[in-house]
């Protein structure tokens, strides 16, 4: 009976990974070059909370997620670590939540809002 449950758990885990990757791939729509350019731009370096601000709030920085995405995009999902799978779920949750927040992506002068920049730093270009 043990073999049955182990097989069942393995199949359930694989299905969860397939679903997670499908969602992640749809939401993290920036390519490595685009994301790297944004993260290293003046705008990208100012985006998100500082390490100390994030730490004081007990959260991770968006820039950390951006750099994690770059590492994740360098290899196939079959080679992702458990920590990377956890990051993928965190990215899915953040992007989904942020996309659903009310408010414009651009202000009245056509400048990106904090919402727009937050999505970019988490690998989602809302214009795509």
N, C-alpha and C. Protein backbone atom coordinates (compact mmCIF):
# COMPACT_ATOMS: atom_id res chain seq x y z
N UNK A 1 0.82 -1.19 0.00
CA UNK A 1 0.00 0.00 0.00
C UNK A 1 0.86 1.26 0.00
N UNK A 2 2.04 1.14 0.63
CA UNK A 2 2.92 2.30 0.72
C UNK A 2 3.33 2.79 -0.67
N UNK A 3 3.63 1.89 -1.58
CA UNK A 3 4.02 2.25 -2.94
C UNK A 3 2.93 3.03 -3.66
N UNK A 4 1.68 2.64 -3.41
CA UNK A 4 0.55 3.34 -4.03
C UNK A 4 0.54 4.80 -3.60
N UNK A 5 0.66 5.05 -2.30
CA UNK A 5 0.60 6.43 -1.79
C UNK A 5 1.80 7.23 -2.22
N UNK A 6 2.96 6.60 -2.27
CA UNK A 6 4.15 7.32 -2.74
C UNK A 6 3.97 7.74 -4.20
N UNK A 7 3.45 6.85 -5.01
CA UNK A 7 3.19 7.16 -6.42
C UNK A 7 2.14 8.25 -6.56
N UNK A 8 1.11 8.17 -5.73
CA UNK A 8 0.04 9.17 -5.75
C UNK A 8 0.60 10.54 -5.38
N UNK A 9 1.41 10.59 -4.32
CA UNK A 9 2.00 11.86 -3.87
C UNK A 9 2.92 12.44 -4.95
N UNK A 10 3.68 11.57 -5.60
CA UNK A 10 4.60 12.03 -6.64
C UNK A 10 3.81 12.61 -7.82
N UNK A 11 2.74 11.93 -8.23
CA UNK A 11 1.92 12.44 -9.34
C UNK A 11 1.27 13.76 -8.96
N UNK A 12 0.77 13.87 -7.72
CA UNK A 12 0.14 15.10 -7.26
C UNK A 12 1.15 16.24 -7.25
N UNK A 13 2.37 15.97 -6.82
CA UNK A 13 3.42 16.99 -6.81
C UNK A 13 3.76 17.43 -8.23
N UNK A 14 3.86 16.48 -9.15
CA UNK A 14 4.15 16.82 -10.54
C UNK A 14 3.04 17.67 -11.16
N UNK A 15 1.79 17.33 -10.86
CA UNK A 15 0.66 18.12 -11.37
C UNK A 15 0.69 19.53 -10.80
N UNK A 16 1.02 19.65 -9.52
CA UNK A 16 1.12 20.96 -8.89
C UNK A 16 2.22 21.79 -9.56
N UNK A 17 3.35 21.16 -9.85
CA UNK A 17 4.44 21.86 -10.52
C UNK A 17 4.04 22.30 -11.93
N UNK A 18 3.34 21.44 -12.66
CA UNK A 18 2.90 21.80 -14.01
C UNK A 18 1.97 23.01 -13.96
N UNK A 19 1.03 22.98 -13.02
CA UNK A 19 0.08 24.08 -12.89
C UNK A 19 0.80 25.37 -12.47
N UNK A 20 1.70 25.25 -11.51
CA UNK A 20 2.46 26.41 -11.04
C UNK A 20 3.28 27.00 -12.18
N UNK A 21 3.98 26.15 -12.92
CA UNK A 21 4.82 26.65 -14.01
C UNK A 21 3.97 27.32 -15.09
N UNK A 22 2.84 26.75 -15.41
CA UNK A 22 1.96 27.34 -16.41
C UNK A 22 1.51 28.74 -15.99
N UNK A 23 1.09 28.88 -14.76
CA UNK A 23 0.68 30.20 -14.25
C UNK A 23 1.87 31.16 -14.23
N UNK A 24 3.01 30.68 -13.73
CA UNK A 24 4.21 31.50 -13.63
C UNK A 24 4.63 32.02 -14.99
N UNK A 25 4.66 31.12 -15.96
CA UNK A 25 5.08 31.49 -17.31
C UNK A 25 4.16 32.53 -17.93
N UNK A 26 2.87 32.43 -17.63
CA UNK A 26 1.92 33.41 -18.15
C UNK A 26 2.02 34.77 -17.48
N UNK A 27 2.35 34.78 -16.21
CA UNK A 27 2.41 36.05 -15.46
C UNK A 27 3.79 36.70 -15.51
N UNK A 28 4.84 35.91 -15.46
CA UNK A 28 6.21 36.44 -15.53
C UNK A 28 6.54 36.51 -17.02
N UNK A 29 6.08 37.60 -17.64
CA UNK A 29 6.12 37.69 -19.10
C UNK A 29 7.30 38.48 -19.66
N UNK A 30 8.22 38.89 -18.79
CA UNK A 30 9.41 39.60 -19.26
C UNK A 30 10.53 38.59 -19.50
N UNK A 31 11.22 38.77 -20.59
CA UNK A 31 12.36 37.92 -20.88
C UNK A 31 13.54 38.31 -20.00
N UNK A 32 14.55 37.45 -19.91
CA UNK A 32 15.71 37.75 -19.08
C UNK A 32 16.37 39.09 -19.43
N UNK A 33 16.52 39.38 -20.71
CA UNK A 33 17.16 40.64 -21.12
C UNK A 33 16.35 41.85 -20.69
N UNK A 34 15.03 41.77 -20.88
CA UNK A 34 14.16 42.89 -20.47
C UNK A 34 14.24 43.12 -18.97
N UNK A 35 14.14 42.04 -18.22
CA UNK A 35 14.15 42.16 -16.76
C UNK A 35 15.50 42.66 -16.27
N UNK A 36 16.58 42.13 -16.83
CA UNK A 36 17.92 42.56 -16.42
C UNK A 36 18.10 44.05 -16.72
N UNK A 37 17.67 44.48 -17.89
CA UNK A 37 17.78 45.91 -18.24
C UNK A 37 17.00 46.76 -17.25
N UNK A 38 15.79 46.33 -16.91
CA UNK A 38 14.99 47.10 -15.97
C UNK A 38 15.66 47.15 -14.59
N UNK A 39 16.09 45.99 -14.09
CA UNK A 39 16.69 45.94 -12.75
C UNK A 39 17.93 46.81 -12.63
N UNK A 40 18.69 46.93 -13.73
CA UNK A 40 19.92 47.71 -13.70
C UNK A 40 19.72 49.17 -14.13
N UNK A 41 18.50 49.51 -14.55
CA UNK A 41 18.22 50.89 -14.93
C UNK A 41 18.09 51.75 -13.67
N UNK A 42 18.14 53.05 -13.86
CA UNK A 42 17.97 53.97 -12.73
C UNK A 42 16.61 53.74 -12.06
N UNK A 43 15.58 53.59 -12.89
CA UNK A 43 14.23 53.33 -12.36
C UNK A 43 14.18 52.02 -11.58
N UNK A 44 14.78 50.98 -12.12
CA UNK A 44 14.77 49.68 -11.48
C UNK A 44 15.55 49.65 -10.18
N UNK A 45 16.61 50.45 -10.10
CA UNK A 45 17.40 50.48 -8.88
C UNK A 45 16.69 51.23 -7.76
N UNK A 46 15.79 52.14 -8.14
CA UNK A 46 15.03 52.88 -7.13
C UNK A 46 13.74 52.14 -6.75
N UNK A 47 13.32 51.21 -7.59
CA UNK A 47 12.05 50.52 -7.39
C UNK A 47 12.08 49.60 -6.18
N UNK A 48 10.94 49.45 -5.59
CA UNK A 48 10.81 48.53 -4.47
C UNK A 48 11.36 49.11 -3.19
N UNK A 49 11.22 48.36 -2.14
CA UNK A 49 11.71 48.77 -0.83
C UNK A 49 13.21 48.50 -0.72
N UNK A 50 13.86 49.28 0.12
CA UNK A 50 15.26 48.97 0.42
C UNK A 50 15.28 47.70 1.26
N UNK A 51 16.45 47.12 1.37
CA UNK A 51 16.59 45.90 2.16
C UNK A 51 16.14 46.14 3.61
N UNK A 52 16.51 47.28 4.19
CA UNK A 52 16.14 47.55 5.58
C UNK A 52 14.65 47.84 5.72
N UNK A 53 14.05 48.55 4.74
CA UNK A 53 12.61 48.80 4.78
C UNK A 53 11.83 47.49 4.71
N UNK A 54 12.23 46.63 3.79
CA UNK A 54 11.55 45.34 3.63
C UNK A 54 11.71 44.51 4.90
N UNK A 55 12.92 44.47 5.42
CA UNK A 55 13.20 43.68 6.63
C UNK A 55 12.35 44.16 7.81
N UNK A 56 12.23 45.49 7.95
CA UNK A 56 11.44 46.03 9.07
C UNK A 56 9.96 45.66 8.95
N UNK A 57 9.51 45.39 7.72
CA UNK A 57 8.12 45.01 7.50
C UNK A 57 7.96 43.49 7.44
N UNK A 58 9.06 42.78 7.57
CA UNK A 58 9.02 41.33 7.56
C UNK A 58 8.71 40.72 6.21
N UNK A 59 9.11 41.42 5.13
CA UNK A 59 8.83 40.92 3.78
C UNK A 59 10.12 40.89 2.96
N UNK A 60 10.05 40.24 1.83
CA UNK A 60 11.17 40.20 0.89
C UNK A 60 11.05 41.40 -0.05
N UNK A 61 12.17 41.80 -0.61
CA UNK A 61 12.18 42.91 -1.55
C UNK A 61 11.79 42.43 -2.95
N UNK A 62 11.14 43.30 -3.71
CA UNK A 62 10.81 42.98 -5.09
C UNK A 62 12.05 42.74 -5.93
N UNK A 63 13.11 43.51 -5.65
CA UNK A 63 14.35 43.31 -6.41
C UNK A 63 14.89 41.90 -6.20
N UNK A 64 14.72 41.35 -5.00
CA UNK A 64 15.15 39.97 -4.75
C UNK A 64 14.39 39.03 -5.67
N UNK A 65 13.11 39.29 -5.85
CA UNK A 65 12.31 38.45 -6.73
C UNK A 65 12.78 38.58 -8.18
N UNK A 66 13.09 39.81 -8.58
CA UNK A 66 13.58 40.01 -9.95
C UNK A 66 14.84 39.22 -10.23
N UNK A 67 15.77 39.23 -9.28
CA UNK A 67 17.01 38.47 -9.47
C UNK A 67 16.76 36.97 -9.39
N UNK A 68 15.80 36.55 -8.57
CA UNK A 68 15.44 35.13 -8.52
C UNK A 68 14.86 34.68 -9.85
N UNK A 69 14.04 35.54 -10.46
CA UNK A 69 13.45 35.22 -11.76
C UNK A 69 14.55 35.01 -12.80
N UNK A 70 15.55 35.88 -12.80
CA UNK A 70 16.64 35.72 -13.76
C UNK A 70 17.30 34.35 -13.61
N UNK A 71 17.55 33.93 -12.39
CA UNK A 71 18.15 32.61 -12.16
C UNK A 71 17.21 31.50 -12.63
N UNK A 72 15.91 31.67 -12.37
CA UNK A 72 14.94 30.65 -12.74
C UNK A 72 14.83 30.52 -14.25
N UNK A 73 14.94 31.65 -14.95
CA UNK A 73 14.82 31.62 -16.42
C UNK A 73 16.07 31.04 -17.08
N UNK A 74 17.15 30.89 -16.33
CA UNK A 74 18.39 30.34 -16.88
C UNK A 74 18.35 28.81 -17.01
N UNK A 75 17.39 28.18 -16.35
CA UNK A 75 17.36 26.71 -16.40
C UNK A 75 15.93 26.21 -16.54
N UNK A 76 15.79 24.99 -17.04
CA UNK A 76 14.44 24.44 -17.20
C UNK A 76 13.80 24.20 -15.83
N UNK A 77 12.48 24.24 -15.76
CA UNK A 77 11.80 24.06 -14.47
C UNK A 77 12.09 22.71 -13.81
N UNK A 78 12.45 21.72 -14.59
CA UNK A 78 12.78 20.41 -14.02
C UNK A 78 14.00 20.50 -13.10
N UNK A 79 14.80 21.54 -13.28
CA UNK A 79 16.01 21.72 -12.47
C UNK A 79 15.84 22.74 -11.34
N UNK A 80 14.63 23.30 -11.20
CA UNK A 80 14.40 24.26 -10.13
C UNK A 80 14.49 23.58 -8.77
N UNK A 81 15.01 24.30 -7.82
CA UNK A 81 15.10 23.81 -6.44
C UNK A 81 13.74 24.00 -5.75
N UNK A 82 13.52 23.34 -4.62
CA UNK A 82 12.28 23.59 -3.87
C UNK A 82 12.11 25.08 -3.52
N UNK A 83 13.21 25.77 -3.24
CA UNK A 83 13.12 27.21 -2.94
C UNK A 83 12.65 28.00 -4.16
N UNK A 84 13.08 27.59 -5.34
CA UNK A 84 12.64 28.29 -6.55
C UNK A 84 11.16 28.03 -6.83
N UNK A 85 10.69 26.82 -6.55
CA UNK A 85 9.26 26.55 -6.70
C UNK A 85 8.46 27.41 -5.72
N UNK A 86 8.98 27.58 -4.53
CA UNK A 86 8.31 28.44 -3.54
C UNK A 86 8.29 29.89 -4.03
N UNK A 87 9.41 30.35 -4.62
CA UNK A 87 9.46 31.70 -5.17
C UNK A 87 8.46 31.86 -6.30
N UNK A 88 8.34 30.85 -7.15
CA UNK A 88 7.40 30.93 -8.27
C UNK A 88 5.99 31.17 -7.74
N UNK A 89 5.62 30.45 -6.68
CA UNK A 89 4.28 30.62 -6.11
C UNK A 89 4.12 32.01 -5.50
N UNK A 90 5.18 32.50 -4.87
CA UNK A 90 5.15 33.83 -4.28
C UNK A 90 4.99 34.89 -5.38
N UNK A 91 5.70 34.70 -6.49
CA UNK A 91 5.61 35.63 -7.62
C UNK A 91 4.20 35.61 -8.22
N UNK A 92 3.64 34.43 -8.38
CA UNK A 92 2.27 34.31 -8.90
C UNK A 92 1.30 35.07 -8.00
N UNK A 93 1.42 34.85 -6.71
CA UNK A 93 0.51 35.51 -5.76
C UNK A 93 0.66 37.02 -5.80
N UNK A 94 1.91 37.51 -5.81
CA UNK A 94 2.12 38.95 -5.82
C UNK A 94 1.57 39.58 -7.09
N UNK A 95 1.94 39.04 -8.24
CA UNK A 95 1.52 39.62 -9.52
C UNK A 95 0.00 39.59 -9.64
N UNK A 96 -0.61 38.49 -9.28
CA UNK A 96 -2.08 38.37 -9.35
C UNK A 96 -2.73 39.41 -8.45
N UNK A 97 -2.23 39.53 -7.23
CA UNK A 97 -2.78 40.50 -6.29
C UNK A 97 -2.58 41.94 -6.79
N UNK A 98 -1.37 42.25 -7.23
CA UNK A 98 -1.07 43.61 -7.68
C UNK A 98 -1.87 43.98 -8.92
N UNK A 99 -2.02 43.05 -9.86
CA UNK A 99 -2.83 43.32 -11.06
C UNK A 99 -4.26 43.64 -10.69
N UNK A 100 -4.76 42.99 -9.63
CA UNK A 100 -6.15 43.19 -9.22
C UNK A 100 -6.38 44.43 -8.38
N UNK A 101 -5.28 45.05 -7.90
CA UNK A 101 -5.44 46.26 -7.10
C UNK A 101 -5.99 47.39 -7.96
N UNK A 102 -6.87 48.19 -7.38
CA UNK A 102 -7.38 49.32 -8.15
C UNK A 102 -6.27 50.35 -8.37
N UNK A 103 -6.45 51.15 -9.35
CA UNK A 103 -5.49 52.22 -9.62
C UNK A 103 -4.88 52.09 -11.00
N UNK A 104 -4.49 53.22 -11.54
CA UNK A 104 -3.94 53.24 -12.90
C UNK A 104 -2.50 52.78 -12.94
N UNK A 105 -2.06 52.43 -14.13
CA UNK A 105 -0.67 52.05 -14.37
C UNK A 105 0.18 53.29 -14.68
N UNK A 106 -0.48 54.36 -15.12
CA UNK A 106 0.20 55.61 -15.45
C UNK A 106 -0.54 56.77 -14.79
N UNK A 107 0.21 57.80 -14.39
CA UNK A 107 -0.44 58.96 -13.79
C UNK A 107 -0.93 59.91 -14.88
N UNK A 108 -1.48 61.05 -14.49
CA UNK A 108 -2.05 62.00 -15.45
C UNK A 108 -1.00 62.58 -16.40
N UNK A 109 0.26 62.50 -16.05
CA UNK A 109 1.34 63.00 -16.92
C UNK A 109 1.97 61.89 -17.75
N UNK A 110 1.41 60.68 -17.66
CA UNK A 110 1.91 59.56 -18.45
C UNK A 110 3.09 58.82 -17.83
N UNK A 111 3.41 59.14 -16.58
CA UNK A 111 4.52 58.46 -15.90
C UNK A 111 4.00 57.17 -15.26
N UNK A 112 4.89 56.18 -15.19
CA UNK A 112 4.53 54.91 -14.57
C UNK A 112 4.20 55.16 -13.09
N UNK A 113 3.14 54.51 -12.63
CA UNK A 113 2.80 54.58 -11.21
C UNK A 113 3.59 53.52 -10.45
N UNK A 114 3.50 53.59 -9.14
CA UNK A 114 4.16 52.60 -8.29
C UNK A 114 3.63 51.19 -8.60
N UNK A 115 2.35 51.10 -8.93
CA UNK A 115 1.75 49.81 -9.29
C UNK A 115 2.47 49.23 -10.52
N UNK A 116 2.64 50.06 -11.54
CA UNK A 116 3.30 49.62 -12.77
C UNK A 116 4.73 49.16 -12.49
N UNK A 117 5.47 49.97 -11.74
CA UNK A 117 6.86 49.65 -11.42
C UNK A 117 6.96 48.39 -10.58
N UNK A 118 6.02 48.21 -9.65
CA UNK A 118 6.02 47.00 -8.82
C UNK A 118 5.84 45.75 -9.67
N UNK A 119 4.96 45.83 -10.65
CA UNK A 119 4.76 44.69 -11.53
C UNK A 119 6.02 44.39 -12.34
N UNK A 120 6.68 45.44 -12.83
CA UNK A 120 7.90 45.24 -13.61
C UNK A 120 8.98 44.56 -12.79
N UNK A 121 9.14 44.98 -11.56
CA UNK A 121 10.23 44.43 -10.75
C UNK A 121 9.98 42.96 -10.40
N UNK A 122 8.72 42.54 -10.49
CA UNK A 122 8.37 41.14 -10.25
C UNK A 122 8.26 40.37 -11.57
N UNK A 123 8.75 40.98 -12.67
CA UNK A 123 8.84 40.26 -13.94
C UNK A 123 7.61 40.30 -14.81
N UNK A 124 6.65 41.19 -14.49
CA UNK A 124 5.42 41.26 -15.28
C UNK A 124 5.32 42.63 -15.95
N UNK A 125 5.31 42.65 -17.26
CA UNK A 125 5.11 43.88 -18.01
C UNK A 125 3.62 43.99 -18.33
N UNK A 126 2.91 44.91 -17.66
CA UNK A 126 1.47 44.99 -17.87
C UNK A 126 1.07 45.47 -19.27
N UNK A 127 2.01 45.99 -20.04
CA UNK A 127 1.70 46.44 -21.40
C UNK A 127 1.68 45.28 -22.39
N UNK A 128 2.16 44.12 -21.97
CA UNK A 128 2.21 42.96 -22.88
C UNK A 128 0.88 42.23 -22.87
